[in-house]
Amino acid sequence: MQNGRLQEIGRMVEQLQVVCSGSHIDVNVGSGRNEGTTLWSEEGLSVHIWSADAGTVFPKHSHKESEWIIISKGEMRIHVDSDEFSKAKRYQTVDGYAIVREGDYIFIPANVIHQANFNMETEYVTVHVPRSLDYAPGTKK
């Protein structure tokens, strides 16, 4: 990957301004509220549960880890900057966005830029492989 692309990804991650205190996680999103709790964080895997308010918007960002997103309540609209972002999928696509609803999931490979928004209160689970150090207990950004 080109050095400029890595720097761009780093800037996008920094925009999220993640703060983790113990297992509770607050993420400064573009607008709205998104809070989470780390359920599991080992060397190869981390699992987090999240709650987002209606109107919450995540800016474009990426992770160093692959990410599974599973919706347990509500709906997420997510745009991914890649044609091959989700070989394992269960969702609908509308106007360039994946609409991931209750019981649906999406897989996003490592370093793939994505942006998400929520039109309703939503609860979801993320699984990062290997574990996300951004959301590891005690980590502050």
Protein backbone atom coordinates (compact mmCIF):
# COMPACT_ATOMS: atom_id res chain seq x y z
CA MET A 1 0.00 0.00 0.00
CA GLN A 2 1.36 3.45 -0.87
CA ASN A 3 2.66 5.60 1.99
CA GLY A 4 0.20 8.41 1.15
CA ARG A 5 -2.72 5.97 1.40
CA LEU A 6 -1.52 4.80 4.84
CA GLN A 7 -1.32 8.41 6.03
CA GLU A 8 -4.85 9.07 4.74
CA ILE A 9 -6.17 6.04 6.63
CA GLY A 10 -4.34 7.17 9.79
CA ARG A 11 -5.98 10.61 9.59
CA MET A 12 -9.42 9.02 9.21
CA VAL A 13 -8.95 6.84 12.29
CA GLU A 14 -7.78 9.87 14.27
CA GLN A 15 -10.99 11.73 13.30
CA LEU A 16 -13.03 9.21 15.29
CA GLN A 17 -11.31 10.34 18.53
CA VAL A 18 -11.92 7.09 20.39
CA VAL A 19 -11.86 7.24 24.19
CA CYS A 20 -11.98 3.97 26.15
CA SER A 21 -12.28 3.93 29.92
CA GLY A 22 -12.28 0.39 31.29
CA SER A 23 -14.62 -1.50 29.01
CA HIS A 24 -16.82 1.54 28.16
CA ILE A 25 -16.11 3.23 24.80
CA ASP A 26 -17.21 6.67 23.60
CA VAL A 27 -16.56 7.55 19.96
CA ASN A 28 -16.73 11.17 18.79
CA VAL A 29 -18.67 10.77 15.56
CA GLY A 30 -19.51 13.38 12.91
CA SER A 31 -22.87 13.93 14.58
CA GLY A 32 -25.02 12.07 17.09
CA ARG A 33 -24.02 9.57 19.79
CA ASN A 34 -22.32 6.18 19.60
CA GLU A 35 -21.30 4.33 22.77
CA GLY A 36 -19.96 0.85 23.24
CA THR A 37 -18.68 -1.75 25.65
CA THR A 38 -15.82 -4.14 25.07
CA LEU A 39 -17.00 -7.68 25.81
CA TRP A 40 -13.83 -9.51 24.79
CA SER A 41 -10.33 -8.39 23.88
CA GLU A 42 -7.64 -10.98 23.29
CA GLU A 43 -4.66 -10.94 20.92
CA GLY A 44 -6.59 -12.40 17.98
CA LEU A 45 -10.13 -11.09 18.53
CA SER A 46 -12.16 -8.30 20.09
CA VAL A 47 -15.95 -8.10 20.47
CA HIS A 48 -17.85 -4.89 21.23
CA ILE A 49 -21.52 -4.00 21.66
CA TRP A 50 -22.69 -0.56 20.54
CA SER A 51 -25.67 1.78 20.78
CA ALA A 52 -26.20 4.66 18.33
CA ASP A 53 -28.88 7.35 18.34
CA ALA A 54 -30.98 8.21 15.30
CA GLY A 55 -29.11 10.81 13.26
CA THR A 56 -25.65 9.53 14.21
CA VAL A 57 -23.14 9.84 11.35
CA PHE A 58 -19.67 8.25 11.26
CA PRO A 59 -17.16 10.08 9.05
CA LYS A 60 -15.14 8.08 6.52
CA HIS A 61 -12.61 5.91 8.35
CA SER A 62 -10.94 2.51 8.29
CA HIS A 63 -9.51 0.00 10.74
CA LYS A 64 -6.26 -1.94 10.73
CA GLU A 65 -8.39 -5.02 11.47
CA SER A 66 -11.11 -6.81 9.55
CA GLU A 67 -14.55 -6.02 10.98
CA TRP A 68 -17.83 -7.90 11.18
CA ILE A 69 -20.88 -5.72 11.98
CA ILE A 70 -24.04 -7.51 13.16
CA ILE A 71 -27.24 -5.50 13.75
CA SER A 72 -29.31 -6.60 16.76
CA LYS A 73 -31.84 -3.72 16.69
CA GLY A 74 -32.51 -0.96 14.18
CA GLU A 75 -30.67 -0.24 10.94
CA MET A 76 -27.30 1.00 9.68
CA ARG A 77 -26.63 2.54 6.28
CA ILE A 78 -23.01 1.99 5.34
CA HIS A 79 -20.98 3.04 2.30
CA VAL A 80 -17.76 1.15 1.62
CA ASP A 81 -15.03 2.32 -0.79
CA SER A 82 -14.40 -1.08 -2.37
CA ASP A 83 -16.09 -3.46 -4.78
CA GLU A 84 -14.89 -6.52 -2.89
CA PHE A 85 -15.70 -5.41 0.64
CA SER A 86 -18.15 -8.13 1.54
CA LYS A 87 -18.03 -11.61 0.11
CA ALA A 88 -19.87 -12.73 3.25
CA LYS A 89 -22.97 -10.58 3.39
CA ARG A 90 -26.60 -10.38 4.28
CA TYR A 91 -28.11 -7.00 3.50
CA GLN A 92 -29.74 -4.94 0.75
CA THR A 93 -28.01 -2.27 -1.34
CA VAL A 94 -29.72 1.06 -2.14
CA ASP A 95 -28.10 4.10 -3.83
CA GLY A 96 -24.55 2.86 -3.12
CA TYR A 97 -25.24 2.10 0.53
CA ALA A 98 -25.58 -1.29 2.20
CA ILE A 99 -28.72 -1.25 4.35
CA VAL A 100 -27.94 -3.56 7.27
CA ARG A 101 -31.04 -4.30 9.35
CA GLU A 102 -31.87 -6.25 12.49
CA GLY A 103 -30.48 -9.78 12.09
CA ASP A 104 -28.28 -8.76 9.11
CA TYR A 105 -24.50 -8.52 8.99
CA ILE A 106 -21.69 -7.17 6.85
CA PHE A 107 -17.95 -7.92 6.66
CA ILE A 108 -15.41 -5.17 5.97
CA PRO A 109 -11.78 -6.19 5.29
CA ALA A 110 -8.89 -4.42 7.02
CA ASN A 111 -7.94 -0.94 5.73
CA VAL A 112 -11.11 -0.53 3.63
CA ILE A 113 -12.58 2.96 3.99
CA HIS A 114 -16.22 3.05 5.09
CA GLN A 115 -18.80 5.57 6.32
CA ALA A 116 -21.99 4.85 8.26
CA ASN A 117 -25.15 6.59 9.40
CA PHE A 118 -28.18 5.64 11.46
CA ASN A 119 -31.75 6.75 10.69
CA MET A 120 -33.08 5.19 13.91
CA GLU A 121 -31.82 4.11 17.32
CA THR A 122 -29.62 1.10 16.61
CA GLU A 123 -27.82 -1.55 18.62
CA TYR A 124 -25.09 -3.62 17.02
CA VAL A 125 -22.09 -5.85 17.64
CA THR A 126 -18.65 -5.54 16.04
CA VAL A 127 -16.05 -8.28 15.89
CA HIS A 128 -12.51 -7.25 14.97
CA VAL A 129 -9.91 -9.77 13.78
CA PRO A 130 -7.24 -9.45 15.01
CA ARG A 131 -8.41 -7.48 18.03
CA SER A 132 -8.88 -3.75 17.72
CA LEU A 133 -6.33 -1.88 19.79
CA ASP A 134 -8.42 1.27 19.17
CA TYR A 135 -11.09 -0.18 21.48
CA ALA A 136 -8.90 -2.15 23.90
CA PRO A 137 -9.69 -1.46 27.59
CA GLY A 138 -7.60 1.43 28.89
CA THR A 139 -6.76 2.78 25.42
CA LYS A 140 -7.32 6.49 24.81
CA LYS A 141 -7.26 8.33 21.50
